[in-house]
Amino acid sequence: MSEETGLIEAMAREMYRKFWELNEDVPEWDKSPYQTMWRDQARAALSAISAAGWAVVPKQPTPEMDEAGYQAMLHWPEEWHLGPPEGITSEWFQSRQAYQWMLAAAPKVPSP
């Protein structure tokens, strides 16, 4: 199971559990005919998060994210060879660039 599929599955199971929380006769997840519906609901929730400008990323960066952050630190704009523009520190630029590149390299949640 991929990281992305694992996230969808974990969200779907938790949404399912929460939905049935007040019912004493909770059908077991493995016997539920509605697994696909709950997975679709999880994807919809993640889609709404993304549409609102947020991202769900792993707590620990993946190797691809680590590499993207490292590459960002190596790529300075040519015009900054004498230093960044006034008011912008090189550390700020590096951290901002690394963050953006790492987000771009983060695992993507599969579409339905």
N, C-alpha and C. Protein backbone atom coordinates (compact mmCIF):
# COMPACT_ATOMS: atom_id res chain seq x y z
N MET A 1 0.85 -1.18 0.00
CA MET A 1 0.00 0.00 0.00
C MET A 1 0.90 1.24 0.00
N SER A 2 0.64 2.16 -0.92
CA SER A 2 1.45 3.37 -1.00
C SER A 2 1.10 4.32 0.15
N GLU A 3 1.97 5.31 0.37
CA GLU A 3 1.70 6.30 1.42
C GLU A 3 0.38 7.01 1.16
N GLU A 4 0.14 7.34 -0.12
CA GLU A 4 -1.07 8.06 -0.47
C GLU A 4 -2.32 7.22 -0.20
N THR A 5 -2.27 5.96 -0.62
CA THR A 5 -3.39 5.06 -0.40
C THR A 5 -3.58 4.82 1.09
N GLY A 6 -2.50 4.73 1.82
CA GLY A 6 -2.57 4.55 3.27
C GLY A 6 -3.26 5.72 3.95
N LEU A 7 -3.00 6.93 3.47
CA LEU A 7 -3.65 8.11 4.04
C LEU A 7 -5.15 8.07 3.78
N ILE A 8 -5.54 7.77 2.55
CA ILE A 8 -6.96 7.69 2.20
C ILE A 8 -7.63 6.62 3.06
N GLU A 9 -7.00 5.47 3.18
CA GLU A 9 -7.57 4.36 3.95
C GLU A 9 -7.72 4.75 5.42
N ALA A 10 -6.70 5.37 6.01
CA ALA A 10 -6.77 5.78 7.42
C ALA A 10 -7.88 6.80 7.64
N MET A 11 -8.00 7.75 6.73
CA MET A 11 -9.06 8.75 6.86
C MET A 11 -10.43 8.11 6.71
N ALA A 12 -10.59 7.24 5.72
CA ALA A 12 -11.89 6.60 5.49
C ALA A 12 -12.32 5.78 6.70
N ARG A 13 -11.39 5.00 7.26
CA ARG A 13 -11.73 4.18 8.42
C ARG A 13 -12.12 5.05 9.62
N GLU A 14 -11.39 6.15 9.83
CA GLU A 14 -11.70 7.01 10.97
C GLU A 14 -13.04 7.73 10.77
N MET A 15 -13.33 8.17 9.54
CA MET A 15 -14.61 8.80 9.26
C MET A 15 -15.75 7.79 9.47
N TYR A 16 -15.54 6.57 9.04
CA TYR A 16 -16.51 5.50 9.22
C TYR A 16 -16.75 5.24 10.70
N ARG A 17 -15.65 5.12 11.45
CA ARG A 17 -15.76 4.87 12.88
C ARG A 17 -16.51 6.01 13.58
N LYS A 18 -16.17 7.24 13.23
CA LYS A 18 -16.79 8.40 13.86
C LYS A 18 -18.29 8.45 13.52
N PHE A 19 -18.64 8.12 12.29
CA PHE A 19 -20.04 8.11 11.87
C PHE A 19 -20.86 7.15 12.72
N TRP A 20 -20.28 5.98 13.00
CA TRP A 20 -21.00 4.95 13.75
C TRP A 20 -20.76 5.02 15.25
N GLU A 21 -20.08 6.02 15.72
CA GLU A 21 -19.65 6.11 17.11
C GLU A 21 -20.79 5.92 18.13
N LEU A 22 -21.95 6.48 17.86
CA LEU A 22 -23.06 6.40 18.81
C LEU A 22 -23.89 5.13 18.66
N ASN A 23 -23.59 4.34 17.66
CA ASN A 23 -24.33 3.11 17.41
C ASN A 23 -23.58 1.94 18.06
N GLU A 24 -24.29 1.18 18.84
CA GLU A 24 -23.65 0.06 19.53
C GLU A 24 -23.35 -1.11 18.59
N ASP A 25 -24.08 -1.18 17.50
CA ASP A 25 -23.90 -2.28 16.55
C ASP A 25 -23.13 -1.81 15.33
N VAL A 26 -21.91 -1.38 15.55
CA VAL A 26 -21.10 -0.87 14.46
C VAL A 26 -20.67 -2.01 13.55
N PRO A 27 -21.04 -1.93 12.27
CA PRO A 27 -20.58 -2.98 11.35
C PRO A 27 -19.06 -2.91 11.22
N GLU A 28 -18.42 -4.05 11.19
CA GLU A 28 -16.97 -4.07 11.03
C GLU A 28 -16.59 -3.48 9.67
N TRP A 29 -15.50 -2.74 9.66
CA TRP A 29 -15.04 -2.10 8.42
C TRP A 29 -14.88 -3.11 7.30
N ASP A 30 -14.25 -4.22 7.62
CA ASP A 30 -13.98 -5.24 6.60
C ASP A 30 -15.25 -5.86 6.01
N LYS A 31 -16.38 -5.71 6.71
CA LYS A 31 -17.64 -6.25 6.22
C LYS A 31 -18.56 -5.16 5.66
N SER A 32 -18.12 -3.94 5.68
CA SER A 32 -18.96 -2.83 5.22
C SER A 32 -19.01 -2.78 3.70
N PRO A 33 -20.22 -2.66 3.15
CA PRO A 33 -20.34 -2.51 1.69
C PRO A 33 -20.08 -1.07 1.24
N TYR A 34 -19.81 -0.18 2.21
CA TYR A 34 -19.67 1.24 1.90
C TYR A 34 -18.23 1.74 1.94
N GLN A 35 -17.26 0.86 1.88
CA GLN A 35 -15.86 1.28 1.94
C GLN A 35 -15.53 2.28 0.84
N THR A 36 -15.99 2.03 -0.37
CA THR A 36 -15.69 2.93 -1.50
C THR A 36 -16.25 4.32 -1.23
N MET A 37 -17.46 4.38 -0.69
CA MET A 37 -18.06 5.68 -0.39
C MET A 37 -17.21 6.46 0.63
N TRP A 38 -16.74 5.78 1.67
CA TRP A 38 -15.94 6.45 2.69
C TRP A 38 -14.58 6.87 2.14
N ARG A 39 -14.01 6.07 1.26
CA ARG A 39 -12.75 6.48 0.62
C ARG A 39 -12.97 7.71 -0.26
N ASP A 40 -14.10 7.76 -0.96
CA ASP A 40 -14.43 8.94 -1.77
C ASP A 40 -14.62 10.17 -0.89
N GLN A 41 -15.21 9.97 0.28
CA GLN A 41 -15.39 11.09 1.21
C GLN A 41 -14.03 11.59 1.71
N ALA A 42 -13.12 10.68 1.96
CA ALA A 42 -11.77 11.07 2.40
C ALA A 42 -11.07 11.88 1.31
N ARG A 43 -11.19 11.42 0.05
CA ARG A 43 -10.59 12.15 -1.07
C ARG A 43 -11.21 13.54 -1.20
N ALA A 44 -12.52 13.63 -1.01
CA ALA A 44 -13.20 14.92 -1.09
C ALA A 44 -12.71 15.86 0.01
N ALA A 45 -12.50 15.34 1.20
CA ALA A 45 -11.99 16.17 2.30
C ALA A 45 -10.58 16.68 1.97
N LEU A 46 -9.73 15.82 1.43
CA LEU A 46 -8.38 16.25 1.06
C LEU A 46 -8.41 17.25 -0.08
N SER A 47 -9.34 17.08 -1.00
CA SER A 47 -9.49 18.02 -2.11
C SER A 47 -9.89 19.40 -1.58
N ALA A 48 -10.79 19.43 -0.61
CA ALA A 48 -11.21 20.70 -0.02
C ALA A 48 -10.06 21.38 0.71
N ILE A 49 -9.23 20.60 1.37
CA ILE A 49 -8.06 21.15 2.05
C ILE A 49 -7.13 21.81 1.03
N SER A 50 -6.88 21.11 -0.06
CA SER A 50 -6.01 21.63 -1.11
C SER A 50 -6.61 22.89 -1.74
N ALA A 51 -7.90 22.87 -2.02
CA ALA A 51 -8.57 24.03 -2.63
C ALA A 51 -8.49 25.26 -1.72
N ALA A 52 -8.41 25.03 -0.43
CA ALA A 52 -8.31 26.14 0.53
C ALA A 52 -6.87 26.64 0.69
N GLY A 53 -5.94 26.05 -0.07
CA GLY A 53 -4.56 26.51 -0.03
C GLY A 53 -3.66 25.82 0.97
N TRP A 54 -4.11 24.71 1.50
CA TRP A 54 -3.33 23.96 2.46
C TRP A 54 -2.80 22.68 1.82
N ALA A 55 -1.83 22.07 2.46
CA ALA A 55 -1.27 20.81 1.96
C ALA A 55 -1.14 19.83 3.12
N VAL A 56 -1.38 18.58 2.82
CA VAL A 56 -1.17 17.50 3.79
C VAL A 56 0.12 16.82 3.36
N VAL A 57 1.10 16.85 4.24
CA VAL A 57 2.40 16.27 3.92
C VAL A 57 2.83 15.35 5.06
N PRO A 58 3.75 14.44 4.78
CA PRO A 58 4.20 13.53 5.84
C PRO A 58 4.95 14.29 6.94
N LYS A 59 4.88 13.77 8.17
CA LYS A 59 5.61 14.39 9.28
C LYS A 59 7.11 14.38 9.01
N GLN A 60 7.59 13.30 8.45
CA GLN A 60 9.00 13.18 8.09
C GLN A 60 9.10 13.29 6.57
N PRO A 61 9.98 14.13 6.06
CA PRO A 61 10.09 14.25 4.60
C PRO A 61 10.51 12.93 3.95
N THR A 62 9.98 12.71 2.76
CA THR A 62 10.36 11.54 1.98
C THR A 62 11.76 11.79 1.41
N PRO A 63 12.42 10.76 0.90
CA PRO A 63 13.72 10.99 0.26
C PRO A 63 13.63 12.01 -0.89
N GLU A 64 12.50 11.98 -1.62
CA GLU A 64 12.32 12.93 -2.72
C GLU A 64 12.21 14.36 -2.19
N MET A 65 11.53 14.52 -1.07
CA MET A 65 11.40 15.85 -0.48
C MET A 65 12.75 16.35 0.04
N ASP A 66 13.50 15.44 0.68
CA ASP A 66 14.85 15.79 1.16
C ASP A 66 15.73 16.27 0.00
N GLU A 67 15.68 15.53 -1.10
CA GLU A 67 16.50 15.89 -2.26
C GLU A 67 16.07 17.23 -2.83
N ALA A 68 14.77 17.47 -2.92
CA ALA A 68 14.27 18.74 -3.45
C ALA A 68 14.72 19.91 -2.57
N GLY A 69 14.67 19.74 -1.26
CA GLY A 69 15.13 20.80 -0.35
C GLY A 69 16.61 21.06 -0.52
N TYR A 70 17.38 20.00 -0.65
CA TYR A 70 18.82 20.13 -0.86
C TYR A 70 19.11 20.86 -2.16
N GLN A 71 18.40 20.47 -3.24
CA GLN A 71 18.62 21.12 -4.53
C GLN A 71 18.23 22.60 -4.48
N ALA A 72 17.20 22.92 -3.74
CA ALA A 72 16.78 24.32 -3.61
C ALA A 72 17.89 25.14 -2.97
N MET A 73 18.56 24.55 -2.00
CA MET A 73 19.64 25.27 -1.31
C MET A 73 20.84 25.51 -2.24
N LEU A 74 20.97 24.67 -3.27
CA LEU A 74 22.10 24.80 -4.20
C LEU A 74 21.83 25.79 -5.33
N HIS A 75 20.57 26.07 -5.62
CA HIS A 75 20.21 26.90 -6.77
C HIS A 75 19.89 28.33 -6.36
N TRP A 76 20.86 29.16 -6.50
CA TRP A 76 20.69 30.58 -6.21
C TRP A 76 20.46 31.31 -7.53
N PRO A 77 19.58 32.28 -7.54
CA PRO A 77 19.43 33.07 -8.77
C PRO A 77 20.75 33.73 -9.12
N GLU A 78 21.08 33.74 -10.41
CA GLU A 78 22.35 34.33 -10.87
C GLU A 78 22.52 35.77 -10.40
N GLU A 79 21.44 36.53 -10.41
CA GLU A 79 21.55 37.95 -10.04
C GLU A 79 21.84 38.15 -8.56
N TRP A 80 21.81 37.07 -7.76
CA TRP A 80 22.09 37.21 -6.34
C TRP A 80 23.54 36.85 -6.00
N HIS A 81 24.40 36.75 -7.01
CA HIS A 81 25.77 36.33 -6.72
C HIS A 81 26.49 37.27 -5.77
N LEU A 82 26.02 38.52 -5.68
CA LEU A 82 26.62 39.47 -4.74
C LEU A 82 25.78 39.58 -3.47
N GLY A 83 24.74 38.79 -3.37
CA GLY A 83 23.88 38.82 -2.18
C GLY A 83 22.45 39.11 -2.58
N PRO A 84 21.50 38.82 -1.70
CA PRO A 84 20.10 39.04 -2.00
C PRO A 84 19.75 40.53 -1.97
N PRO A 85 18.60 40.89 -2.56
CA PRO A 85 18.17 42.29 -2.53
C PRO A 85 18.04 42.82 -1.10
N GLU A 86 18.09 44.11 -0.95
CA GLU A 86 17.99 44.74 0.36
C GLU A 86 16.69 44.31 1.05
N GLY A 87 16.78 43.99 2.31
CA GLY A 87 15.62 43.61 3.09
C GLY A 87 15.31 42.12 3.08
N ILE A 88 16.00 41.36 2.25
CA ILE A 88 15.77 39.92 2.20
C ILE A 88 17.07 39.22 2.58
N THR A 89 17.00 38.42 3.62
CA THR A 89 18.20 37.70 4.04
C THR A 89 18.37 36.44 3.20
N SER A 90 19.60 36.02 3.06
CA SER A 90 19.85 34.81 2.29
C SER A 90 19.22 33.59 2.98
N GLU A 91 19.19 33.60 4.30
CA GLU A 91 18.58 32.50 5.04
C GLU A 91 17.09 32.42 4.75
N TRP A 92 16.43 33.59 4.70
CA TRP A 92 14.99 33.62 4.39
C TRP A 92 14.75 33.04 3.00
N PHE A 93 15.54 33.50 2.04
CA PHE A 93 15.36 33.01 0.67
C PHE A 93 15.58 31.51 0.60
N GLN A 94 16.63 31.04 1.22
CA GLN A 94 16.93 29.60 1.18
C GLN A 94 15.82 28.78 1.81
N SER A 95 15.34 29.20 2.97
CA SER A 95 14.30 28.41 3.63
C SER A 95 13.00 28.45 2.83
N ARG A 96 12.67 29.61 2.27
CA ARG A 96 11.44 29.74 1.48
C ARG A 96 11.51 28.87 0.21
N GLN A 97 12.64 28.92 -0.46
CA GLN A 97 12.82 28.14 -1.68
C GLN A 97 12.80 26.64 -1.36
N ALA A 98 13.48 26.25 -0.31
CA ALA A 98 13.51 24.84 0.07
C ALA A 98 12.10 24.35 0.42
N TYR A 99 11.34 25.16 1.14
CA TYR A 99 9.98 24.78 1.52
C TYR A 99 9.12 24.57 0.28
N GLN A 100 9.19 25.49 -0.66
CA GLN A 100 8.38 25.37 -1.88
C GLN A 100 8.78 24.14 -2.70
N TRP A 101 10.07 23.90 -2.83
CA TRP A 101 10.51 22.74 -3.61
C TRP A 101 10.14 21.44 -2.91
N MET A 102 10.23 21.42 -1.58
CA MET A 102 9.88 20.20 -0.84
C MET A 102 8.37 19.93 -0.94
N LEU A 103 7.55 20.97 -0.86
CA LEU A 103 6.12 20.77 -1.03
C LEU A 103 5.80 20.21 -2.42
N ALA A 104 6.49 20.74 -3.42
CA ALA A 104 6.26 20.26 -4.79
C ALA A 104 6.64 18.78 -4.93
N ALA A 105 7.60 18.32 -4.13
CA ALA A 105 8.07 16.93 -4.22
C ALA A 105 7.31 16.00 -3.27
N ALA A 106 6.42 16.53 -2.46
CA ALA A 106 5.67 15.71 -1.50
C ALA A 106 4.76 14.73 -2.23
N PRO A 107 4.48 13.58 -1.60
CA PRO A 107 3.57 12.61 -2.24
C PRO A 107 2.20 13.26 -2.49
N LYS A 108 1.61 12.90 -3.60
CA LYS A 108 0.29 13.42 -3.96
C LYS A 108 -0.77 12.39 -3.63
N VAL A 109 -1.90 12.87 -3.17
CA VAL A 109 -3.02 11.99 -2.87
C VAL A 109 -3.70 11.66 -4.19
N PRO A 110 -3.94 10.38 -4.47
CA PRO A 110 -4.52 10.01 -5.76
C PRO A 110 -5.94 10.53 -5.92
N SER A 111 -6.30 10.84 -7.14
CA SER A 111 -7.68 11.25 -7.45
C SER A 111 -8.58 10.03 -7.45
N PRO A 112 -9.89 10.27 -7.27
CA PRO A 112 -10.82 9.12 -7.29
C PRO A 112 -10.82 8.42 -8.63
